[in-house]
C-alpha atoms as a PDB file:
ATOM      1  CA  UNK A   1     -10.749   5.806  11.845  1.00  0.00           C
ATOM      2  CA  UNK A   2     -12.049   2.657  13.508  1.00  0.00           C
ATOM      3  CA  UNK A   3     -13.156   4.502  16.620  1.00  0.00           C
ATOM      4  CA  UNK A   4     -15.496   6.764  14.693  1.00  0.00           C
ATOM      5  CA  UNK A   5     -16.418   5.119  11.420  1.00  0.00           C
ATOM      6  CA  UNK A   6     -15.539   1.381  11.626  1.00  0.00           C
ATOM      7  CA  UNK A   7     -15.773   0.848   7.874  1.00  0.00           C
ATOM      8  CA  UNK A   8     -15.682  -2.348   5.882  1.00  0.00           C
ATOM      9  CA  UNK A   9     -14.273  -2.294   2.386  1.00  0.00           C
ATOM     10  CA  UNK A  10     -14.486  -4.404  -0.752  1.00  0.00           C
ATOM     11  CA  UNK A  11     -12.438  -3.724  -3.870  1.00  0.00           C
ATOM     12  CA  UNK A  12     -12.996  -5.288  -7.284  1.00  0.00           C
ATOM     13  CA  UNK A  13     -10.249  -4.699  -9.844  1.00  0.00           C
ATOM     14  CA  UNK A  14     -10.846  -5.480 -13.520  1.00  0.00           C
ATOM     15  CA  UNK A  15      -8.771  -5.012 -16.660  1.00  0.00           C
ATOM     16  CA  UNK A  16     -10.026  -2.285 -18.996  1.00  0.00           C
ATOM     17  CA  UNK A  17      -8.815  -3.892 -22.215  1.00  0.00           C
ATOM     18  CA  UNK A  18      -5.919  -1.432 -22.477  1.00  0.00           C
ATOM     19  CA  UNK A  19      -2.487  -2.747 -21.402  1.00  0.00           C
ATOM     20  CA  UNK A  20      -1.736  -1.925 -17.729  1.00  0.00           C
ATOM     21  CA  UNK A  21      -4.991   0.054 -17.225  1.00  0.00           C
ATOM     22  CA  UNK A  22      -7.458  -1.206 -14.625  1.00  0.00           C
ATOM     23  CA  UNK A  23     -10.783  -0.153 -13.147  1.00  0.00           C
ATOM     24  CA  UNK A  24     -11.146  -0.372  -9.403  1.00  0.00           C
ATOM     25  CA  UNK A  25     -14.648  -0.418  -7.946  1.00  0.00           C
ATOM     26  CA  UNK A  26     -14.683   0.072  -4.175  1.00  0.00           C
ATOM     27  CA  UNK A  27     -17.632  -0.355  -1.858  1.00  0.00           C
ATOM     28  CA  UNK A  28     -17.317   1.189   1.594  1.00  0.00           C
ATOM     29  CA  UNK A  29     -19.851   0.219   4.245  1.00  0.00           C
ATOM     30  CA  UNK A  30     -20.457   2.165   7.452  1.00  0.00           C
ATOM     31  CA  UNK A  31     -23.426   1.865   9.800  1.00  0.00           C
ATOM     32  CA  UNK A  32     -25.642   0.108   7.254  1.00  0.00           C
ATOM     33  CA  UNK A  33     -24.921   2.555   4.426  1.00  0.00           C
ATOM     34  CA  UNK A  34     -22.763   1.832   1.390  1.00  0.00           C
ATOM     35  CA  UNK A  35     -20.882   4.162  -0.924  1.00  0.00           C
ATOM     36  CA  UNK A  36     -19.443   3.227  -4.328  1.00  0.00           C
ATOM     37  CA  UNK A  37     -16.355   4.676  -5.931  1.00  0.00           C
ATOM     38  CA  UNK A  38     -14.905   3.708  -9.297  1.00  0.00           C
ATOM     39  CA  UNK A  39     -11.491   4.856 -10.463  1.00  0.00           C
ATOM     40  CA  UNK A  40      -9.130   3.958 -13.271  1.00  0.00           C
ATOM     41  CA  UNK A  41      -5.476   3.166 -12.586  1.00  0.00           C
ATOM     42  CA  UNK A  42      -2.302   2.385 -14.468  1.00  0.00           C
ATOM     43  CA  UNK A  43      -0.051  -0.322 -13.061  1.00  0.00           C
ATOM     44  CA  UNK A  44       3.615  -0.168 -14.062  1.00  0.00           C
ATOM     45  CA  UNK A  45       6.807  -1.342 -12.327  1.00  0.00           C
ATOM     46  CA  UNK A  46       5.099  -1.935  -8.953  1.00  0.00           C
ATOM     47  CA  UNK A  47       3.559   1.526  -9.061  1.00  0.00           C
ATOM     48  CA  UNK A  48      -0.113   2.435  -9.300  1.00  0.00           C
ATOM     49  CA  UNK A  49      -0.967   5.751 -10.937  1.00  0.00           C
ATOM     50  CA  UNK A  50      -4.301   7.539 -11.072  1.00  0.00           C
ATOM     51  CA  UNK A  51      -5.193   8.213 -14.697  1.00  0.00           C
ATOM     52  CA  UNK A  52      -7.273  10.891 -16.371  1.00  0.00           C
ATOM     53  CA  UNK A  53     -10.038  10.185 -18.889  1.00  0.00           C
ATOM     54  CA  UNK A  54      -7.394   9.690 -21.623  1.00  0.00           C
ATOM     55  CA  UNK A  55      -5.669   7.048 -19.416  1.00  0.00           C
ATOM     56  CA  UNK A  56      -2.642   9.310 -18.894  1.00  0.00           C
ATOM     57  CA  UNK A  57      -1.035   8.933 -15.436  1.00  0.00           C
ATOM     58  CA  UNK A  58      -1.538  11.841 -13.045  1.00  0.00           C
ATOM     59  CA  UNK A  59       0.038  12.696  -9.701  1.00  0.00           C
ATOM     60  CA  UNK A  60       2.427  10.709  -7.571  1.00  0.00           C
ATOM     61  CA  UNK A  61       2.069   6.928  -7.708  1.00  0.00           C
ATOM     62  CA  UNK A  62       1.127   4.563  -4.930  1.00  0.00           C
ATOM     63  CA  UNK A  63       3.738   1.837  -4.475  1.00  0.00           C
ATOM     64  CA  UNK A  64       3.124  -1.886  -4.181  1.00  0.00           C
ATOM     65  CA  UNK A  65       5.338  -3.484  -1.529  1.00  0.00           C
ATOM     66  CA  UNK A  66       6.467  -7.072  -1.102  1.00  0.00           C
ATOM     67  CA  UNK A  67       4.410  -9.485   0.976  1.00  0.00           C
ATOM     68  CA  UNK A  68       4.790 -13.226   1.454  1.00  0.00           C
ATOM     69  CA  UNK A  69       0.991 -13.527   1.551  1.00  0.00           C
ATOM     70  CA  UNK A  70       0.164 -15.385  -1.693  1.00  0.00           C
ATOM     71  CA  UNK A  71      -3.161 -13.660  -2.397  1.00  0.00           C
ATOM     72  CA  UNK A  72      -2.457 -10.251  -0.861  1.00  0.00           C
ATOM     73  CA  UNK A  73      -1.174  -6.939  -2.102  1.00  0.00           C
ATOM     74  CA  UNK A  74       0.300  -4.195   0.041  1.00  0.00           C
ATOM     75  CA  UNK A  75      -0.074  -0.639  -1.210  1.00  0.00           C
ATOM     76  CA  UNK A  76       1.768   2.360   0.242  1.00  0.00           C
ATOM     77  CA  UNK A  77       0.057   5.639  -0.582  1.00  0.00           C
ATOM     78  CA  UNK A  78       1.444   9.082   0.229  1.00  0.00           C
ATOM     79  CA  UNK A  79      -1.609  11.278  -0.066  1.00  0.00           C
ATOM     80  CA  UNK A  80      -3.348  13.688   2.292  1.00  0.00           C
ATOM     81  CA  UNK A  81      -3.178  10.835   4.785  1.00  0.00           C
ATOM     82  CA  UNK A  82      -0.290   8.431   4.283  1.00  0.00           C
ATOM     83  CA  UNK A  83      -1.612   4.879   4.258  1.00  0.00           C
ATOM     84  CA  UNK A  84      -0.378   1.349   4.060  1.00  0.00           C
ATOM     85  CA  UNK A  85      -3.106  -1.005   2.901  1.00  0.00           C
ATOM     86  CA  UNK A  86      -3.141  -4.787   3.008  1.00  0.00           C
ATOM     87  CA  UNK A  87      -5.727  -6.242   0.642  1.00  0.00           C
ATOM     88  CA  UNK A  88      -6.492  -9.946   0.433  1.00  0.00           C
ATOM     89  CA  UNK A  89      -8.871 -12.061  -1.592  1.00  0.00           C
ATOM     90  CA  UNK A  90      -9.807 -13.677   1.721  1.00  0.00           C
ATOM     91  CA  UNK A  91     -11.957 -11.985   4.344  1.00  0.00           C
ATOM     92  CA  UNK A  92      -9.310 -12.703   6.987  1.00  0.00           C
ATOM     93  CA  UNK A  93      -5.549 -13.168   6.865  1.00  0.00           C
ATOM     94  CA  UNK A  94      -3.458 -15.492   9.024  1.00  0.00           C
ATOM     95  CA  UNK A  95      -1.729 -14.354  12.209  1.00  0.00           C
ATOM     96  CA  UNK A  96       1.665 -14.699  10.485  1.00  0.00           C
ATOM     97  CA  UNK A  97       0.520 -12.544   7.565  1.00  0.00           C
ATOM     98  CA  UNK A  98      -0.774  -9.890   9.958  1.00  0.00           C
ATOM     99  CA  UNK A  99       2.488  -9.984  11.947  1.00  0.00           C
ATOM    100  CA  UNK A 100       4.435  -9.439   8.717  1.00  0.00           C
ATOM    101  CA  UNK A 101       2.225  -6.441   7.915  1.00  0.00           C
ATOM    102  CA  UNK A 102       2.654  -5.060  11.456  1.00  0.00           C
ATOM    103  CA  UNK A 103       6.436  -5.410  11.084  1.00  0.00           C
ATOM    104  CA  UNK A 104       6.274  -3.450   7.846  1.00  0.00           C
ATOM    105  CA  UNK A 105       4.447  -0.606   9.617  1.00  0.00           C
ATOM    106  CA  UNK A 106       7.088  -0.648  12.364  1.00  0.00           C
ATOM    107  CA  UNK A 107       9.858  -0.386   9.761  1.00  0.00           C
ATOM    108  CA  UNK A 108       8.116   2.691   8.367  1.00  0.00           C
ATOM    109  CA  UNK A 109       7.748   4.030  11.941  1.00  0.00           C
ATOM    110  CA  UNK A 110       3.987   4.127  11.574  1.00  0.00           C
ATOM    111  CA  UNK A 111       1.380   3.263  14.169  1.00  0.00           C
ATOM    112  CA  UNK A 112      -0.069  -0.213  14.581  1.00  0.00           C
ATOM    113  CA  UNK A 113      -2.376  -1.242  11.725  1.00  0.00           C
ATOM    114  CA  UNK A 114      -6.130  -0.946  12.063  1.00  0.00           C
ATOM    115  CA  UNK A 115      -8.253  -3.914  11.125  1.00  0.00           C
ATOM    116  CA  UNK A 116     -11.397  -2.759   9.393  1.00  0.00           C
ATOM    117  CA  UNK A 117     -14.861  -4.069  10.111  1.00  0.00           C
ATOM    118  CA  UNK A 118     -15.372  -7.555   8.692  1.00  0.00           C
ATOM    119  CA  UNK A 119     -19.084  -7.049   7.965  1.00  0.00           C
ATOM    120  CA  UNK A 120     -19.170  -7.690   4.235  1.00  0.00           C
ATOM    121  CA  UNK A 121     -22.953  -7.970   3.903  1.00  0.00           C
ATOM    122  CA  UNK A 122     -23.108  -5.389   1.137  1.00  0.00           C
ATOM    123  CA  UNK A 123     -26.418  -6.778  -0.088  1.00  0.00           C
ATOM    124  CA  UNK A 124     -27.978  -5.676   3.219  1.00  0.00           C
ATOM    125  CA  UNK A 125     -27.011  -2.027   3.133  1.00  0.00           C
ATOM    126  CA  UNK A 126     -28.576   1.077   1.672  1.00  0.00           C
ATOM    127  CA  UNK A 127     -26.509   2.457  -1.197  1.00  0.00           C
ATOM    128  CA  UNK A 128     -26.067   6.218  -1.170  1.00  0.00           C
ATOM    129  CA  UNK A 129     -25.507   7.990  -4.465  1.00  0.00           C
ATOM    130  CA  UNK A 130     -24.848  11.589  -5.418  1.00  0.00           C
ATOM    131  CA  UNK A 131     -28.468  12.138  -6.490  1.00  0.00           C
ATOM    132  CA  UNK A 132     -29.878  11.617  -2.998  1.00  0.00           C
ATOM    133  CA  UNK A 133     -32.732  13.925  -2.012  1.00  0.00           C
ATOM    134  CA  UNK A 134     -32.216  16.508   0.707  1.00  0.00           C
ATOM    135  CA  UNK A 135     -34.669  14.737   3.053  1.00  0.00           C
ATOM    136  CA  UNK A 136     -33.002  11.358   2.509  1.00  0.00           C
ATOM    137  CA  UNK A 137     -29.570  12.936   3.023  1.00  0.00           C
ATOM    138  CA  UNK A 138     -30.767  14.433   6.301  1.00  0.00           C
ATOM    139  CA  UNK A 139     -32.021  11.025   7.478  1.00  0.00           C
ATOM    140  CA  UNK A 140     -28.772   9.337   6.469  1.00  0.00           C
ATOM    141  CA  UNK A 141     -26.716  11.972   8.286  1.00  0.00           C
ATOM    142  CA  UNK A 142     -28.832  11.651  11.427  1.00  0.00           C
ATOM    143  CA  UNK A 143     -28.528   7.844  11.448  1.00  0.00           C
ATOM    144  CA  UNK A 144     -24.831   8.054  10.670  1.00  0.00           C
ATOM    145  CA  UNK A 145     -24.191  10.460  13.562  1.00  0.00           C
ATOM    146  CA  UNK A 146     -26.140   8.189  15.906  1.00  0.00           C
ATOM    147  CA  UNK A 147     -24.003   5.252  14.732  1.00  0.00           C
ATOM    148  CA  UNK A 148     -20.786   7.203  15.295  1.00  0.00           C
ATOM    149  CA  UNK A 149     -21.948   8.299  18.758  1.00  0.00           C
ATOM    150  CA  UNK A 150     -22.838   4.716  19.762  1.00  0.00           C
ATOM    151  CA  UNK A 151     -19.496   3.475  18.436  1.00  0.00           C
ATOM    152  CA  UNK A 152     -17.513   6.145  20.300  1.00  0.00           C
ATOM    153  CA  UNK A 153     -19.331   5.301  23.539  1.00  0.00           C
ATOM    154  CA  UNK A 154     -18.017   1.742  23.340  1.00  0.00           C
ATOM    155  CA  UNK A 155     -14.537   2.459  21.930  1.00  0.00           C
ATOM    156  CA  UNK A 156     -13.505   5.775  23.476  1.00  0.00           C
ATOM    157  CA  UNK A 157     -10.582   4.110  25.288  1.00  0.00           C
ATOM    158  CA  UNK A 158      -9.002   3.078  21.985  1.00  0.00           C
ATOM    159  CA  UNK A 159      -9.342   6.660  20.712  1.00  0.00           C
ATOM    160  CA  UNK A 160      -7.585   8.028  23.801  1.00  0.00           C
ATOM    161  CA  UNK A 161      -4.873   5.365  23.539  1.00  0.00           C
ATOM    162  CA  UNK A 162      -4.335   6.146  19.838  1.00  0.00           C
ATOM    163  CA  UNK A 163      -4.136   9.871  20.574  1.00  0.00           C
ATOM    164  CA  UNK A 164      -1.568   9.346  23.339  1.00  0.00           C
ATOM    165  CA  UNK A 165       0.487   6.995  21.124  1.00  0.00           C
ATOM    166  CA  UNK A 166       0.484   9.580  18.323  1.00  0.00           C
ATOM    167  CA  UNK A 167       1.589  12.375  20.645  1.00  0.00           C
ATOM    168  CA  UNK A 168       4.354  10.252  22.168  1.00  0.00           C
ATOM    169  CA  UNK A 169       5.540   9.054  18.749  1.00  0.00           C
ATOM    170  CA  UNK A 170       5.505  12.627  17.432  1.00  0.00           C
ATOM    171  CA  UNK A 171       7.472  13.843  20.457  1.00  0.00           C
ATOM    172  CA  UNK A 172      10.145  11.161  20.124  1.00  0.00           C
ATOM    173  CA  UNK A 173      10.382  11.599  16.333  1.00  0.00           C
ATOM    174  CA  UNK A 174      10.968  15.329  16.671  1.00  0.00           C
ATOM    175  CA  UNK A 175      13.541  14.865  19.435  1.00  0.00           C
ATOM    176  CA  UNK A 176      15.550  12.453  17.225  1.00  0.00           C
ATOM    177  CA  UNK A 177      15.947  15.072  14.468  1.00  0.00           C
END
């Protein structure tokens, strides 16, 4: 993820006025472009459910895990890609908080956490919406591909290392079963 896209992320969660139902507005920034996504969720018993337009839970829930970080939440999601996400109100967390999160990933036998880009200058990026013209979409794609290519040129070693780690971990996991 970081080798190719190097995203930064901001999440704003607000109550909807219905008990346990929240709106989550995410802004993802990559290579000077921003994308918005708004979703509604139900929070109940340390579980976060997607909800439909009638606020009825759908699908399997994400699970909130314990953290000693006072302003953080840790969310474990089992989706297409299983993820463990540490969100904080602060732009950076302490070394001890990061070590605790890394230990949690080890307990789950997952790879080392990725730290996303800390560029939170969302006011300086071009927002892309679904009504973008074909010409503008072509320009965005071209600039995005150039950004990915430049990023890969400088981080290709981390990609190779990640790939090797994944293969080794997969090999040892399958040999334990």
